[in-house]
Amino acid sequence: MKVGDYVRTNNGLIFKIVGGNEDNWELDIEYSKLEYMEDTWLELYKYNDNGGWFIKENCKSSPNIIDLIEVGDYVNGYLIGKIIDVYKTATGIKKIQFVWSDEDFVSELLENQIKSIVTKEQFEEMEYKCIN
C-alpha cells in the first residue's frame, strides 16, 4: 500500500490515500487515517470530538480504483449487473468486462474512463422507499 492507492470501506465509501507511511495512512477526508492490519484489509480510524481515535470500519485497498468496483455499484451512471473479468491491456491500463443490469451483451471500460462510482451501499443509504 502506498500514497495514491484507493480504499473501499465495508460501508461502501471510496477514498484515496494522500499521505502517511506503512503504519498510518492519511486519506482524502478530514481527520481520518488508516492503520495497516493484514495484506488487503485495513481499519479506518476517524477522529472524534472527545479527543480520541475510534475504529470506524474495515477497508479493502488497491492501487487501481477499478479493482474496488462491485456488482450493484453504479459506474458512470450505469448499474453493474455482473463482472466478468478485470485485466490489463497490452498498454498496461486495467480494463473491466461486465454486463449492465439491463443489457445482455458484454461491455468493457478502461480504468481511465471511470468518471464516477456510486457504491451499492451509498445508493441504498440515500434511496427513498415508498411506503404503501
Protein backbone atom coordinates (compact mmCIF):
# COMPACT_ATOMS: atom_id res chain seq x y z
CA MET A 1 0.00 0.00 0.00
CA LYS A 2 1.23 3.49 -0.83
CA VAL A 3 0.21 7.08 -1.41
CA GLY A 4 -2.15 7.19 -4.39
CA ASP A 5 -3.84 3.86 -3.60
CA TYR A 6 -7.62 3.69 -3.16
CA VAL A 7 -9.60 2.17 -0.28
CA ARG A 8 -13.19 0.98 -0.12
CA THR A 9 -14.82 0.67 3.28
CA ASN A 10 -17.33 -2.05 4.12
CA ASN A 11 -19.78 0.85 4.29
CA GLY A 12 -19.23 1.49 0.57
CA LEU A 13 -17.18 4.68 0.79
CA ILE A 14 -14.18 5.07 -1.53
CA PHE A 15 -11.19 7.24 -0.59
CA LYS A 16 -7.70 7.91 -1.90
CA ILE A 17 -4.57 7.72 0.27
CA VAL A 18 -2.90 11.15 0.14
CA GLY A 19 -0.08 10.76 2.68
CA GLY A 20 1.47 8.77 5.51
CA ASN A 21 3.53 5.59 5.87
CA GLU A 22 3.10 1.84 6.44
CA ASP A 23 1.64 2.27 9.92
CA ASN A 24 -0.54 5.34 9.49
CA TRP A 25 -2.03 6.48 6.16
CA GLU A 26 -3.78 9.81 5.64
CA LEU A 27 -6.92 9.81 3.47
CA ASP A 28 -8.57 12.47 1.34
CA ILE A 29 -11.10 13.05 4.13
CA GLU A 30 -10.54 15.31 7.11
CA TYR A 31 -9.42 13.79 10.44
CA SER A 32 -9.13 10.21 9.20
CA LYS A 33 -6.36 7.65 8.99
CA LEU A 34 -5.83 4.02 8.05
CA GLU A 35 -3.78 1.57 10.06
CA TYR A 36 -2.28 -1.48 8.35
CA MET A 37 -3.72 -4.74 9.67
CA GLU A 38 -3.34 -7.54 7.07
CA ASP A 39 -2.48 -7.99 3.40
CA THR A 40 -5.59 -6.37 1.95
CA TRP A 41 -7.77 -5.34 4.89
CA LEU A 42 -7.23 -2.22 6.96
CA GLU A 43 -9.01 -0.43 9.75
CA LEU A 44 -10.26 3.11 9.21
CA TYR A 45 -10.00 5.37 12.23
CA LYS A 46 -11.76 8.69 12.49
CA TYR A 47 -11.07 11.45 15.00
CA ASN A 48 -13.94 12.15 17.36
CA ASP A 49 -14.78 15.28 19.33
CA ASN A 50 -13.76 13.68 22.62
CA GLY A 51 -10.11 13.89 21.65
CA GLY A 52 -9.53 10.29 20.62
CA TRP A 53 -9.48 7.92 17.66
CA PHE A 54 -12.08 5.24 17.16
CA ILE A 55 -12.45 2.37 14.70
CA LYS A 56 -14.97 3.16 12.01
CA GLU A 57 -14.80 0.09 9.76
CA ASN A 58 -12.67 -2.34 7.78
CA CYS A 59 -11.38 -1.41 4.32
CA LYS A 60 -10.10 -3.07 1.16
CA SER A 61 -7.29 -1.37 -0.78
CA SER A 62 -5.90 -1.33 -4.33
CA PRO A 63 -3.70 0.92 -6.44
CA ASN A 64 -6.41 0.67 -9.14
CA ILE A 65 -9.88 2.05 -8.45
CA ILE A 66 -11.28 -0.42 -10.98
CA ASP A 67 -10.46 -3.27 -8.54
CA LEU A 68 -12.88 -1.80 -5.98
CA ILE A 69 -15.95 -1.94 -8.26
CA GLU A 70 -18.55 -4.49 -7.18
CA VAL A 71 -21.79 -5.85 -8.63
CA GLY A 72 -24.58 -3.43 -7.73
CA ASP A 73 -22.39 -0.31 -7.99
CA TYR A 74 -23.19 2.46 -10.47
CA VAL A 75 -20.23 3.37 -12.69
CA ASN A 76 -20.60 6.46 -14.87
CA GLY A 77 -24.32 6.32 -14.07
CA TYR A 78 -24.88 2.70 -15.13
CA LEU A 79 -25.65 -0.23 -12.84
CA ILE A 80 -23.08 -3.06 -12.88
CA GLY A 81 -25.07 -6.29 -13.17
CA LYS A 82 -22.25 -8.81 -13.46
CA ILE A 83 -18.45 -8.53 -13.53
CA ILE A 84 -16.90 -10.97 -15.99
CA ASP A 85 -13.20 -10.06 -15.78
CA VAL A 86 -10.72 -7.37 -14.76
CA TYR A 87 -7.40 -7.47 -16.61
CA LYS A 88 -4.58 -5.33 -18.01
CA THR A 89 -4.48 -4.36 -21.68
CA ALA A 90 -1.30 -4.54 -23.79
CA THR A 91 -0.59 -0.92 -22.81
CA GLY A 92 -0.84 -1.78 -19.08
CA ILE A 93 -4.14 0.02 -18.43
CA LYS A 94 -6.67 -2.00 -16.43
CA LYS A 95 -9.94 -2.89 -18.14
CA ILE A 96 -13.15 -4.31 -16.71
CA GLN A 97 -15.53 -6.57 -18.66
CA PHE A 98 -19.06 -6.53 -17.30
CA VAL A 99 -22.75 -6.71 -18.12
CA TRP A 100 -25.02 -3.77 -17.38
CA SER A 101 -28.08 -4.84 -15.44
CA ASP A 102 -30.49 -4.09 -18.29
CA GLU A 103 -28.47 -5.45 -21.23
CA ASP A 104 -27.38 -8.91 -22.35
CA PHE A 105 -24.14 -8.06 -24.13
CA VAL A 106 -20.69 -7.69 -22.56
CA SER A 107 -19.35 -4.14 -22.15
CA GLU A 108 -15.80 -3.02 -21.45
CA LEU A 109 -14.48 0.03 -19.64
CA LEU A 110 -10.89 1.20 -19.25
CA GLU A 111 -9.81 2.44 -15.83
CA ASN A 112 -9.13 5.94 -17.19
CA GLN A 113 -12.73 6.09 -18.48
CA ILE A 114 -14.19 5.81 -14.97
CA LYS A 115 -15.63 9.23 -14.10
CA SER A 116 -17.88 8.34 -11.15
CA ILE A 117 -18.75 5.47 -8.84
CA VAL A 118 -21.77 5.34 -6.57
CA THR A 119 -21.42 2.20 -4.49
CA LYS A 120 -24.39 -0.05 -3.80
CA GLU A 121 -24.10 0.82 -0.10
CA GLN A 122 -24.23 4.57 -0.83
CA PHE A 123 -27.20 4.09 -3.16
CA GLU A 124 -29.10 2.04 -0.57
CA GLU A 125 -28.39 4.63 2.14
CA MET A 126 -29.74 7.53 0.02
CA GLU A 127 -32.61 5.61 -1.59
CA TYR A 128 -36.12 6.79 -0.85
CA LYS A 129 -38.53 3.90 -0.42
CA CYS A 130 -42.26 4.47 -0.78
CA ILE A 131 -44.42 3.09 1.98
CA ASN A 132 -47.85 1.95 0.82
